[in-house]
Full PDB file with SEQRES, HELIX, SHEET, SSBOND, CRYST1, ORIGX, SCALE, CONECT and MASTER records, all heavy atoms in Angstrom:
SEQRES   1 A   39  HIS GLU VAL GLY ASP ILE LEU GLN SER GLY SER VAL PRO          
SEQRES   2 A   39  THR THR VAL LEU ARG ALA ALA MET ILE ILE GLY SER GLY          
SEQRES   3 A   39  SER ALA SER PHE GLU ILE LEU ARG TYR LEU VAL GLU ARG          
HELIX    1 AA1 GLU A    2  GLN A    8  1                                   7    
HELIX    2 AA2 ALA A   28  GLU A   38  1                                  11    
CRYST1    1.000    1.000    1.000  90.00  90.00  90.00 P 1           1          
ORIGX1      1.000000  0.000000  0.000000        0.00000                         
ORIGX2      0.000000  1.000000  0.000000        0.00000                         
ORIGX3      0.000000  0.000000  1.000000        0.00000                         
SCALE1      1.000000  0.000000  0.000000        0.00000                         
SCALE2      0.000000  1.000000  0.000000        0.00000                         
SCALE3      0.000000  0.000000  1.000000        0.00000                         
ATOM      1  N   HIS A   1     -91.628  42.888 -89.600  1.00  0.00           N  
ATOM      2  CA  HIS A   1     -92.728  42.985 -90.568  1.00  0.00           C  
ATOM      3  C   HIS A   1     -94.076  43.033 -89.844  1.00  0.00           C  
ATOM      4  O   HIS A   1     -94.980  43.768 -90.260  1.00  0.00           O  
ATOM      5  CB  HIS A   1     -92.699  41.789 -91.517  1.00  0.00           C  
ATOM      6  CG  HIS A   1     -91.543  41.805 -92.473  1.00  0.00           C  
ATOM      7  ND1 HIS A   1     -91.007  42.955 -92.987  1.00  0.00           N  
ATOM      8  CD2 HIS A   1     -90.803  40.788 -93.010  1.00  0.00           C  
ATOM      9  CE1 HIS A   1     -90.016  42.664 -93.804  1.00  0.00           C  
ATOM     10  NE2 HIS A   1     -89.862  41.345 -93.825  1.00  0.00           N  
ATOM     11  N   GLU A   2     -94.213  42.260 -88.780  1.00  0.00           N  
ATOM     12  CA  GLU A   2     -95.480  42.236 -88.043  1.00  0.00           C  
ATOM     13  C   GLU A   2     -95.808  43.603 -87.453  1.00  0.00           C  
ATOM     14  O   GLU A   2     -96.958  44.051 -87.493  1.00  0.00           O  
ATOM     15  CB  GLU A   2     -95.419  41.186 -86.930  1.00  0.00           C  
ATOM     16  CG  GLU A   2     -96.730  41.084 -86.144  1.00  0.00           C  
ATOM     17  CD  GLU A   2     -96.626  40.160 -84.958  1.00  0.00           C  
ATOM     18  OE1 GLU A   2     -95.502  39.869 -84.499  1.00  0.00           O  
ATOM     19  OE2 GLU A   2     -97.685  39.727 -84.452  1.00  0.00           O  
ATOM     20  N   VAL A   3     -94.810  44.275 -86.917  1.00  0.00           N  
ATOM     21  CA  VAL A   3     -95.030  45.610 -86.356  1.00  0.00           C  
ATOM     22  C   VAL A   3     -95.549  46.561 -87.437  1.00  0.00           C  
ATOM     23  O   VAL A   3     -96.507  47.317 -87.218  1.00  0.00           O  
ATOM     24  CB  VAL A   3     -93.735  46.157 -85.724  1.00  0.00           C  
ATOM     25  CG1 VAL A   3     -93.884  47.641 -85.382  1.00  0.00           C  
ATOM     26  CG2 VAL A   3     -93.378  45.366 -84.471  1.00  0.00           C  
ATOM     27  N   GLY A   4     -94.931  46.517 -88.605  1.00  0.00           N  
ATOM     28  CA  GLY A   4     -95.396  47.367 -89.705  1.00  0.00           C  
ATOM     29  C   GLY A   4     -96.820  47.049 -90.106  1.00  0.00           C  
ATOM     30  O   GLY A   4     -97.632  47.960 -90.357  1.00  0.00           O  
ATOM     31  N   ASP A   5     -97.164  45.754 -90.165  1.00  0.00           N  
ATOM     32  CA  ASP A   5     -98.526  45.358 -90.534  1.00  0.00           C  
ATOM     33  C   ASP A   5     -99.541  45.854 -89.501  1.00  0.00           C  
ATOM     34  O   ASP A   5    -100.638  46.308 -89.864  1.00  0.00           O  
ATOM     35  CB  ASP A   5     -98.614  43.834 -90.647  1.00  0.00           C  
ATOM     36  CG  ASP A   5     -97.831  43.289 -91.830  1.00  0.00           C  
ATOM     37  OD1 ASP A   5     -97.528  44.080 -92.755  1.00  0.00           O  
ATOM     38  OD2 ASP A   5     -97.507  42.080 -91.822  1.00  0.00           O  
ATOM     39  N   ILE A   6     -99.203  45.759 -88.217  1.00  0.00           N  
ATOM     40  CA  ILE A   6    -100.111  46.216 -87.158  1.00  0.00           C  
ATOM     41  C   ILE A   6    -100.361  47.711 -87.285  1.00  0.00           C  
ATOM     42  O   ILE A   6    -101.503  48.184 -87.209  1.00  0.00           O  
ATOM     43  CB  ILE A   6     -99.534  45.872 -85.768  1.00  0.00           C  
ATOM     44  CG1 ILE A   6     -99.577  44.360 -85.519  1.00  0.00           C  
ATOM     45  CG2 ILE A   6    -100.304  46.598 -84.656  1.00  0.00           C  
ATOM     46  CD1 ILE A   6     -98.848  43.920 -84.261  1.00  0.00           C  
ATOM     47  N   LEU A   7     -99.296  48.470 -87.480  1.00  0.00           N  
ATOM     48  CA  LEU A   7     -99.447  49.925 -87.588  1.00  0.00           C  
ATOM     49  C   LEU A   7    -100.269  50.298 -88.819  1.00  0.00           C  
ATOM     50  O   LEU A   7    -101.113  51.200 -88.770  1.00  0.00           O  
ATOM     51  CB  LEU A   7     -98.070  50.593 -87.644  1.00  0.00           C  
ATOM     52  CG  LEU A   7     -97.211  50.488 -86.368  1.00  0.00           C  
ATOM     53  CD1 LEU A   7     -95.822  51.054 -86.614  1.00  0.00           C  
ATOM     54  CD2 LEU A   7     -97.877  51.223 -85.204  1.00  0.00           C  
ATOM     55  N   GLN A   8    -100.053  49.612 -89.932  1.00  0.00           N  
ATOM     56  CA  GLN A   8    -100.774  49.948 -91.159  1.00  0.00           C  
ATOM     57  C   GLN A   8    -102.220  49.459 -91.143  1.00  0.00           C  
ATOM     58  O   GLN A   8    -103.024  49.895 -91.966  1.00  0.00           O  
ATOM     59  CB  GLN A   8    -100.044  49.383 -92.371  1.00  0.00           C  
ATOM     60  CG  GLN A   8     -98.766  50.143 -92.700  1.00  0.00           C  
ATOM     61  CD  GLN A   8     -98.149  49.740 -94.022  1.00  0.00           C  
ATOM     62  OE1 GLN A   8     -98.184  48.567 -94.403  1.00  0.00           O  
ATOM     63  NE2 GLN A   8     -97.558  50.696 -94.738  1.00  0.00           N  
ATOM     64  N   SER A   9    -102.558  48.576 -90.206  1.00  0.00           N  
ATOM     65  CA  SER A   9    -103.931  48.089 -90.124  1.00  0.00           C  
ATOM     66  C   SER A   9    -104.868  49.064 -89.419  1.00  0.00           C  
ATOM     67  O   SER A   9    -106.086  48.871 -89.423  1.00  0.00           O  
ATOM     68  CB  SER A   9    -103.969  46.740 -89.382  1.00  0.00           C  
ATOM     69  OG  SER A   9    -103.635  46.911 -88.010  1.00  0.00           O  
ATOM     70  N   GLY A  10    -104.317  50.119 -88.837  1.00  0.00           N  
ATOM     71  CA  GLY A  10    -105.138  51.127 -88.167  1.00  0.00           C  
ATOM     72  C   GLY A  10    -105.666  52.166 -89.141  1.00  0.00           C  
ATOM     73  O   GLY A  10    -105.380  52.136 -90.342  1.00  0.00           O  
ATOM     74  N   SER A  11    -106.420  53.108 -88.604  1.00  0.00           N  
ATOM     75  CA  SER A  11    -107.030  54.138 -89.453  1.00  0.00           C  
ATOM     76  C   SER A  11    -106.073  55.281 -89.777  1.00  0.00           C  
ATOM     77  O   SER A  11    -106.346  56.080 -90.681  1.00  0.00           O  
ATOM     78  CB  SER A  11    -108.281  54.696 -88.759  1.00  0.00           C  
ATOM     79  OG  SER A  11    -107.947  55.290 -87.506  1.00  0.00           O  
ATOM     80  N   VAL A  12    -104.969  55.403 -89.029  1.00  0.00           N  
ATOM     81  CA  VAL A  12    -104.000  56.471 -89.291  1.00  0.00           C  
ATOM     82  C   VAL A  12    -103.009  55.983 -90.357  1.00  0.00           C  
ATOM     83  O   VAL A  12    -102.384  54.932 -90.185  1.00  0.00           O  
ATOM     84  CB  VAL A  12    -103.239  56.854 -88.005  1.00  0.00           C  
ATOM     85  CG1 VAL A  12    -102.149  57.892 -88.312  1.00  0.00           C  
ATOM     86  CG2 VAL A  12    -104.201  57.396 -86.957  1.00  0.00           C  
ATOM     87  N   PRO A  13    -102.846  56.710 -91.462  1.00  0.00           N  
ATOM     88  CA  PRO A  13    -101.920  56.285 -92.521  1.00  0.00           C  
ATOM     89  C   PRO A  13    -100.504  56.123 -91.985  1.00  0.00           C  
ATOM     90  O   PRO A  13     -99.981  57.030 -91.324  1.00  0.00           O  
ATOM     91  CB  PRO A  13    -101.992  57.431 -93.539  1.00  0.00           C  
ATOM     92  CG  PRO A  13    -103.271  58.135 -93.253  1.00  0.00           C  
ATOM     93  CD  PRO A  13    -103.512  57.988 -91.782  1.00  0.00           C  
ATOM     94  N   THR A  14     -99.911  54.971 -92.248  1.00  0.00           N  
ATOM     95  CA  THR A  14     -98.571  54.682 -91.745  1.00  0.00           C  
ATOM     96  C   THR A  14     -97.606  54.443 -92.898  1.00  0.00           C  
ATOM     97  O   THR A  14     -97.882  53.641 -93.790  1.00  0.00           O  
ATOM     98  CB  THR A  14     -98.583  53.439 -90.826  1.00  0.00           C  
ATOM     99  OG1 THR A  14     -99.395  53.711 -89.684  1.00  0.00           O  
ATOM    100  CG2 THR A  14     -97.181  53.072 -90.358  1.00  0.00           C  
ATOM    101  N   THR A  15     -96.499  55.143 -92.860  1.00  0.00           N  
ATOM    102  CA  THR A  15     -95.427  54.954 -93.835  1.00  0.00           C  
ATOM    103  C   THR A  15     -94.404  53.998 -93.232  1.00  0.00           C  
ATOM    104  O   THR A  15     -93.886  54.245 -92.147  1.00  0.00           O  
ATOM    105  CB  THR A  15     -94.738  56.291 -94.168  1.00  0.00           C  
ATOM    106  OG1 THR A  15     -95.715  57.215 -94.661  1.00  0.00           O  
ATOM    107  CG2 THR A  15     -93.639  56.098 -95.197  1.00  0.00           C  
ATOM    108  N   VAL A  16     -94.125  52.914 -93.930  1.00  0.00           N  
ATOM    109  CA  VAL A  16     -93.153  51.922 -93.459  1.00  0.00           C  
ATOM    110  C   VAL A  16     -91.920  51.976 -94.349  1.00  0.00           C  
ATOM    111  O   VAL A  16     -92.021  51.831 -95.573  1.00  0.00           O  
ATOM    112  CB  VAL A  16     -93.753  50.502 -93.468  1.00  0.00           C  
ATOM    113  CG1 VAL A  16     -92.680  49.468 -93.112  1.00  0.00           C  
ATOM    114  CG2 VAL A  16     -94.920  50.403 -92.491  1.00  0.00           C  
ATOM    115  N   LEU A  17     -90.778  52.219 -93.731  1.00  0.00           N  
ATOM    116  CA  LEU A  17     -89.495  52.177 -94.430  1.00  0.00           C  
ATOM    117  C   LEU A  17     -88.762  50.925 -93.966  1.00  0.00           C  
ATOM    118  O   LEU A  17     -88.620  50.690 -92.765  1.00  0.00           O  
ATOM    119  CB  LEU A  17     -88.662  53.422 -94.104  1.00  0.00           C  
ATOM    120  CG  LEU A  17     -89.285  54.768 -94.479  1.00  0.00           C  
ATOM    121  CD1 LEU A  17     -88.362  55.910 -94.069  1.00  0.00           C  
ATOM    122  CD2 LEU A  17     -89.592  54.840 -95.964  1.00  0.00           C  
ATOM    123  N   ARG A  18     -88.291  50.129 -94.899  1.00  0.00           N  
ATOM    124  CA  ARG A  18     -87.644  48.860 -94.566  1.00  0.00           C  
ATOM    125  C   ARG A  18     -86.186  48.911 -95.007  1.00  0.00           C  
ATOM    126  O   ARG A  18     -85.895  49.117 -96.192  1.00  0.00           O  
ATOM    127  CB  ARG A  18     -88.371  47.694 -95.218  1.00  0.00           C  
ATOM    128  CG  ARG A  18     -89.860  47.665 -94.887  1.00  0.00           C  
ATOM    129  CD  ARG A  18     -90.517  46.351 -95.245  1.00  0.00           C  
ATOM    130  NE  ARG A  18     -90.328  45.991 -96.646  1.00  0.00           N  
ATOM    131  CZ  ARG A  18     -90.832  44.888 -97.199  1.00  0.00           C  
ATOM    132  NH1 ARG A  18     -91.537  44.047 -96.453  1.00  0.00           N  
ATOM    133  NH2 ARG A  18     -90.630  44.624 -98.481  1.00  0.00           N  
ATOM    134  N   ALA A  19     -85.272  48.733 -94.036  1.00  0.00           N  
ATOM    135  CA  ALA A  19     -83.840  48.836 -94.313  1.00  0.00           C  
ATOM    136  C   ALA A  19     -83.120  47.567 -93.889  1.00  0.00           C  
ATOM    137  O   ALA A  19     -83.560  46.840 -92.989  1.00  0.00           O  
ATOM    138  CB  ALA A  19     -83.246  50.035 -93.569  1.00  0.00           C  
ATOM    139  N   ALA A  20     -81.986  47.298 -94.546  1.00  0.00           N  
ATOM    140  CA  ALA A  20     -81.115  46.193 -94.147  1.00  0.00           C  
ATOM    141  C   ALA A  20     -80.082  46.748 -93.164  1.00  0.00           C  
ATOM    142  O   ALA A  20     -80.399  47.567 -92.311  1.00  0.00           O  
ATOM    143  CB  ALA A  20     -80.462  45.576 -95.381  1.00  0.00           C  
ATOM    144  N   MET A  21     -78.854  46.333 -93.286  1.00  0.00           N  
ATOM    145  CA  MET A  21     -77.786  46.788 -92.394  1.00  0.00           C  
ATOM    146  C   MET A  21     -77.577  48.295 -92.531  1.00  0.00           C  
ATOM    147  O   MET A  21     -77.507  48.827 -93.642  1.00  0.00           O  
ATOM    148  CB  MET A  21     -76.487  46.060 -92.742  1.00  0.00           C  
ATOM    149  CG  MET A  21     -75.276  46.535 -91.956  1.00  0.00           C  
ATOM    150  SD  MET A  21     -73.779  45.687 -92.497  1.00  0.00           S  
ATOM    151  CE  MET A  21     -72.557  46.463 -91.437  1.00  0.00           C  
ATOM    152  N   ILE A  22     -77.514  48.978 -91.399  1.00  0.00           N  
ATOM    153  CA  ILE A  22     -77.263  50.416 -91.395  1.00  0.00           C  
ATOM    154  C   ILE A  22     -75.796  50.653 -91.076  1.00  0.00           C  
ATOM    155  O   ILE A  22     -75.292  50.219 -90.030  1.00  0.00           O  
ATOM    156  CB  ILE A  22     -78.164  51.136 -90.365  1.00  0.00           C  
ATOM    157  CG1 ILE A  22     -79.641  50.976 -90.771  1.00  0.00           C  
ATOM    158  CG2 ILE A  22     -77.781  52.610 -90.251  1.00  0.00           C  
ATOM    159  CD1 ILE A  22     -80.619  51.552 -89.765  1.00  0.00           C  
ATOM    160  N   ILE A  23     -75.101  51.333 -91.964  1.00  0.00           N  
ATOM    161  CA  ILE A  23     -73.679  51.625 -91.760  1.00  0.00           C  
ATOM    162  C   ILE A  23     -73.554  53.023 -91.168  1.00  0.00           C  
ATOM    163  O   ILE A  23     -73.887  54.020 -91.808  1.00  0.00           O  
ATOM    164  CB  ILE A  23     -72.897  51.546 -93.082  1.00  0.00           C  
ATOM    165  CG1 ILE A  23     -73.021  50.150 -93.701  1.00  0.00           C  
ATOM    166  CG2 ILE A  23     -71.423  51.888 -92.851  1.00  0.00           C  
ATOM    167  CD1 ILE A  23     -72.292  49.991 -95.022  1.00  0.00           C  
ATOM    168  N   GLY A  24     -73.077  53.071 -89.953  1.00  0.00           N  
ATOM    169  CA  GLY A  24     -72.896  54.345 -89.272  1.00  0.00           C  
ATOM    170  C   GLY A  24     -72.152  54.133 -87.975  1.00  0.00           C  
ATOM    171  O   GLY A  24     -72.256  53.066 -87.355  1.00  0.00           O  
ATOM    172  N   SER A  25     -71.395  55.112 -87.556  1.00  0.00           N  
ATOM    173  CA  SER A  25     -70.655  54.988 -86.306  1.00  0.00           C  
ATOM    174  C   SER A  25     -71.633  54.732 -85.161  1.00  0.00           C  
ATOM    175  O   SER A  25     -72.629  55.422 -85.002  1.00  0.00           O  
ATOM    176  CB  SER A  25     -69.872  56.280 -86.035  1.00  0.00           C  
ATOM    177  OG  SER A  25     -70.749  57.391 -85.991  1.00  0.00           O  
ATOM    178  N   GLY A  26     -71.350  53.697 -84.396  1.00  0.00           N  
ATOM    179  CA  GLY A  26     -72.175  53.406 -83.234  1.00  0.00           C  
ATOM    180  C   GLY A  26     -73.311  52.437 -83.452  1.00  0.00           C  
ATOM    181  O   GLY A  26     -73.924  51.982 -82.483  1.00  0.00           O  
ATOM    182  N   SER A  27     -73.634  52.076 -84.718  1.00  0.00           N  
ATOM    183  CA  SER A  27     -74.713  51.115 -84.933  1.00  0.00           C  
ATOM    184  C   SER A  27     -74.226  49.720 -84.555  1.00  0.00           C  
ATOM    185  O   SER A  27     -73.046  49.404 -84.675  1.00  0.00           O  
ATOM    186  CB  SER A  27     -75.197  51.132 -86.378  1.00  0.00           C  
ATOM    187  OG  SER A  27     -74.349  50.363 -87.213  1.00  0.00           O  
ATOM    188  N   ALA A  28     -75.147  48.871 -84.076  1.00  0.00           N  
ATOM    189  CA  ALA A  28     -74.760  47.526 -83.647  1.00  0.00           C  
ATOM    190  C   ALA A  28     -74.147  46.746 -84.807  1.00  0.00           C  
ATOM    191  O   ALA A  28     -73.130  46.057 -84.643  1.00  0.00           O  
ATOM    192  CB  ALA A  28     -75.970  46.789 -83.077  1.00  0.00           C  
ATOM    193  N   SER A  29     -74.744  46.853 -86.000  1.00  0.00           N  
ATOM    194  CA  SER A  29     -74.227  46.129 -87.162  1.00  0.00           C  
ATOM    195  C   SER A  29     -72.822  46.580 -87.518  1.00  0.00           C  
ATOM    196  O   SER A  29     -71.944  45.763 -87.831  1.00  0.00           O  
ATOM    197  CB  SER A  29     -75.158  46.335 -88.364  1.00  0.00           C  
ATOM    198  OG  SER A  29     -76.444  45.847 -88.094  1.00  0.00           O  
ATOM    199  N   PHE A  30     -72.599  47.890 -87.473  1.00  0.00           N  
ATOM    200  CA  PHE A  30     -71.270  48.399 -87.818  1.00  0.00           C  
ATOM    201  C   PHE A  30     -70.243  48.022 -86.756  1.00  0.00           C  
ATOM    202  O   PHE A  30     -69.085  47.727 -87.077  1.00  0.00           O  
ATOM    203  CB  PHE A  30     -71.313  49.919 -87.992  1.00  0.00           C  
ATOM    204  CG  PHE A  30     -70.005  50.496 -88.466  1.00  0.00           C  
ATOM    205  CD1 PHE A  30     -69.592  50.333 -89.769  1.00  0.00           C  
ATOM    206  CD2 PHE A  30     -69.174  51.180 -87.592  1.00  0.00           C  
ATOM    207  CE1 PHE A  30     -68.375  50.843 -90.210  1.00  0.00           C  
ATOM    208  CE2 PHE A  30     -67.960  51.693 -88.009  1.00  0.00           C  
ATOM    209  CZ  PHE A  30     -67.559  51.528 -89.326  1.00  0.00           C  
ATOM    210  N   GLU A  31     -70.638  48.022 -85.483  1.00  0.00           N  
ATOM    211  CA  GLU A  31     -69.711  47.644 -84.422  1.00  0.00           C  
ATOM    212  C   GLU A  31     -69.288  46.179 -84.559  1.00  0.00           C  
ATOM    213  O   GLU A  31     -68.138  45.835 -84.316  1.00  0.00           O  
ATOM    214  CB  GLU A  31     -70.348  47.884 -83.053  1.00  0.00           C  
ATOM    215  CG  GLU A  31     -70.455  49.349 -82.678  1.00  0.00           C  
ATOM    216  CD  GLU A  31     -69.093  50.010 -82.544  1.00  0.00           C  
ATOM    217  OE1 GLU A  31     -68.401  49.759 -81.544  1.00  0.00           O  
ATOM    218  OE2 GLU A  31     -68.708  50.754 -83.469  1.00  0.00           O  
ATOM    219  N   ILE A  32     -70.226  45.315 -84.942  1.00  0.00           N  
ATOM    220  CA  ILE A  32     -69.873  43.915 -85.179  1.00  0.00           C  
ATOM    221  C   ILE A  32     -68.843  43.822 -86.298  1.00  0.00           C  
ATOM    222  O   ILE A  32     -67.812  43.152 -86.175  1.00  0.00           O  
ATOM    223  CB  ILE A  32     -71.125  43.085 -85.524  1.00  0.00           C  
ATOM    224  CG1 ILE A  32     -72.024  42.939 -84.283  1.00  0.00           C  
ATOM    225  CG2 ILE A  32     -70.736  41.708 -86.056  1.00  0.00           C  
ATOM    226  CD1 ILE A  32     -73.350  42.264 -84.579  1.00  0.00           C  
ATOM    227  N   LEU A  33     -69.115  44.501 -87.405  1.00  0.00           N  
ATOM    228  CA  LEU A  33     -68.185  44.502 -88.538  1.00  0.00           C  
ATOM    229  C   LEU A  33     -66.821  45.039 -88.118  1.00  0.00           C  
ATOM    230  O   LEU A  33     -65.776  44.440 -88.417  1.00  0.00           O  
ATOM    231  CB  LEU A  33     -68.768  45.348 -89.674  1.00  0.00           C  
ATOM    232  CG  LEU A  33     -67.880  45.555 -90.905  1.00  0.00           C  
ATOM    233  CD1 LEU A  33     -67.668  44.241 -91.639  1.00  0.00           C  
ATOM    234  CD2 LEU A  33     -68.500  46.603 -91.838  1.00  0.00           C  
ATOM    235  N   ARG A  34     -66.808  46.148 -87.413  1.00  0.00           N  
ATOM    236  CA  ARG A  34     -65.552  46.807 -87.025  1.00  0.00           C  
ATOM    237  C   ARG A  34     -64.677  45.898 -86.167  1.00  0.00           C  
ATOM    238  O   ARG A  34     -63.485  45.730 -86.433  1.00  0.00           O  
ATOM    239  CB  ARG A  34     -65.868  48.105 -86.273  1.00  0.00           C  
ATOM    240  CG  ARG A  34     -64.643  48.872 -85.825  1.00  0.00           C  
ATOM    241  CD  ARG A  34     -64.990  50.294 -85.483  1.00  0.00           C  
ATOM    242  NE  ARG A  34     -65.648  50.440 -84.207  1.00  0.00           N  
ATOM    243  CZ  ARG A  34     -65.030  50.834 -83.084  1.00  0.00           C  
ATOM    244  NH1 ARG A  34     -63.731  51.072 -83.102  1.00  0.00           N  
ATOM    245  NH2 ARG A  34     -65.692  50.993 -81.968  1.00  0.00           N  
ATOM    246  N   TYR A  35     -65.264  45.314 -85.140  1.00  0.00           N  
ATOM    247  CA  TYR A  35     -64.461  44.501 -84.223  1.00  0.00           C  
ATOM    248  C   TYR A  35     -64.012  43.195 -84.868  1.00  0.00           C  
ATOM    249  O   TYR A  35     -62.892  42.730 -84.614  1.00  0.00           O  
ATOM    250  CB  TYR A  35     -65.239  44.234 -82.936  1.00  0.00           C  
ATOM    251  CG  TYR A  35     -65.110  45.353 -81.938  1.00  0.00           C  
ATOM    252  CD1 TYR A  35     -65.891  46.499 -82.035  1.00  0.00           C  
ATOM    253  CD2 TYR A  35     -64.177  45.293 -80.902  1.00  0.00           C  
ATOM    254  CE1 TYR A  35     -65.771  47.537 -81.131  1.00  0.00           C  
ATOM    255  CE2 TYR A  35     -64.037  46.328 -79.999  1.00  0.00           C  
ATOM    256  CZ  TYR A  35     -64.825  47.449 -80.103  1.00  0.00           C  
ATOM    257  OH  TYR A  35     -64.693  48.478 -79.212  1.00  0.00           O  
ATOM    258  N   LEU A  36     -64.868  42.588 -85.681  1.00  0.00           N  
ATOM    259  CA  LEU A  36     -64.462  41.354 -86.353  1.00  0.00           C  
ATOM    260  C   LEU A  36     -63.261  41.601 -87.257  1.00  0.00           C  
ATOM    261  O   LEU A  36     -62.286  40.837 -87.251  1.00  0.00           O  
ATOM    262  CB  LEU A  36     -65.628  40.784 -87.163  1.00  0.00           C  
ATOM    263  CG  LEU A  36     -66.768  40.134 -86.374  1.00  0.00           C  
ATOM    264  CD1 LEU A  36     -67.875  39.696 -87.332  1.00  0.00           C  
ATOM    265  CD2 LEU A  36     -66.278  38.942 -85.568  1.00  0.00           C  
ATOM    266  N   VAL A  37     -63.311  42.658 -88.043  1.00  0.00           N  
ATOM    267  CA  VAL A  37     -62.237  42.934 -89.004  1.00  0.00           C  
ATOM    268  C   VAL A  37     -60.954  43.349 -88.279  1.00  0.00           C  
ATOM    269  O   VAL A  37     -59.853  42.915 -88.639  1.00  0.00           O  
ATOM    270  CB  VAL A  37     -62.663  44.010 -90.014  1.00  0.00           C  
ATOM    271  CG1 VAL A  37     -61.518  44.322 -90.973  1.00  0.00           C  
ATOM    272  CG2 VAL A  37     -63.888  43.554 -90.799  1.00  0.00           C  
ATOM    273  N   GLU A  38     -61.083  44.178 -87.260  1.00  0.00           N  
ATOM    274  CA  GLU A  38     -59.889  44.686 -86.586  1.00  0.00           C  
ATOM    275  C   GLU A  38     -59.196  43.624 -85.744  1.00  0.00           C  
ATOM    276  O   GLU A  38     -57.983  43.679 -85.546  1.00  0.00           O  
ATOM    277  CB  GLU A  38     -60.248  45.904 -85.732  1.00  0.00           C  
ATOM    278  CG  GLU A  38     -60.629  47.120 -86.567  1.00  0.00           C  
ATOM    279  CD  GLU A  38     -60.898  48.354 -85.725  1.00  0.00           C  
ATOM    280  OE1 GLU A  38     -60.884  48.230 -84.484  1.00  0.00           O  
ATOM    281  OE2 GLU A  38     -61.112  49.433 -86.306  1.00  0.00           O  
ATOM    282  N   ARG A  39     -59.941  42.651 -85.260  1.00  0.00           N  
ATOM    283  CA  ARG A  39     -59.363  41.657 -84.347  1.00  0.00           C  
ATOM    284  C   ARG A  39     -58.986  40.343 -85.028  1.00  0.00           C  
ATOM    285  O   ARG A  39     -58.171  39.594 -84.496  1.00  0.00           O  
ATOM    286  CB  ARG A  39     -60.339  41.382 -83.200  1.00  0.00           C  
ATOM    287  CG  ARG A  39     -60.521  42.571 -82.276  1.00  0.00           C  
ATOM    288  CD  ARG A  39     -61.547  42.284 -81.194  1.00  0.00           C  
ATOM    289  NE  ARG A  39     -61.745  43.453 -80.351  1.00  0.00           N  
ATOM    290  CZ  ARG A  39     -61.048  43.709 -79.256  1.00  0.00           C  
ATOM    291  NH1 ARG A  39     -60.129  42.861 -78.865  1.00  0.00           N  
ATOM    292  NH2 ARG A  39     -61.272  44.802 -78.548  1.00  0.00           N  
TER     293      ARG A  39                                                      
MASTER        0    0    0    2    0    0    0    6  292    1    0    3          
END                                                                             
C-alpha cells in the first residue's frame, strides 16, 4: 500500500491495481498451494 501511495503522491497520474492471490502456473502462491496439496 505504501508503494502505491508514494507513486500516487507525484504529479504523474498513477493507476493502482490491488490483487490478492494470483492463480497461475509458476506463481509463488500457486506453487505453495500445489505442493501442499500434492504432498
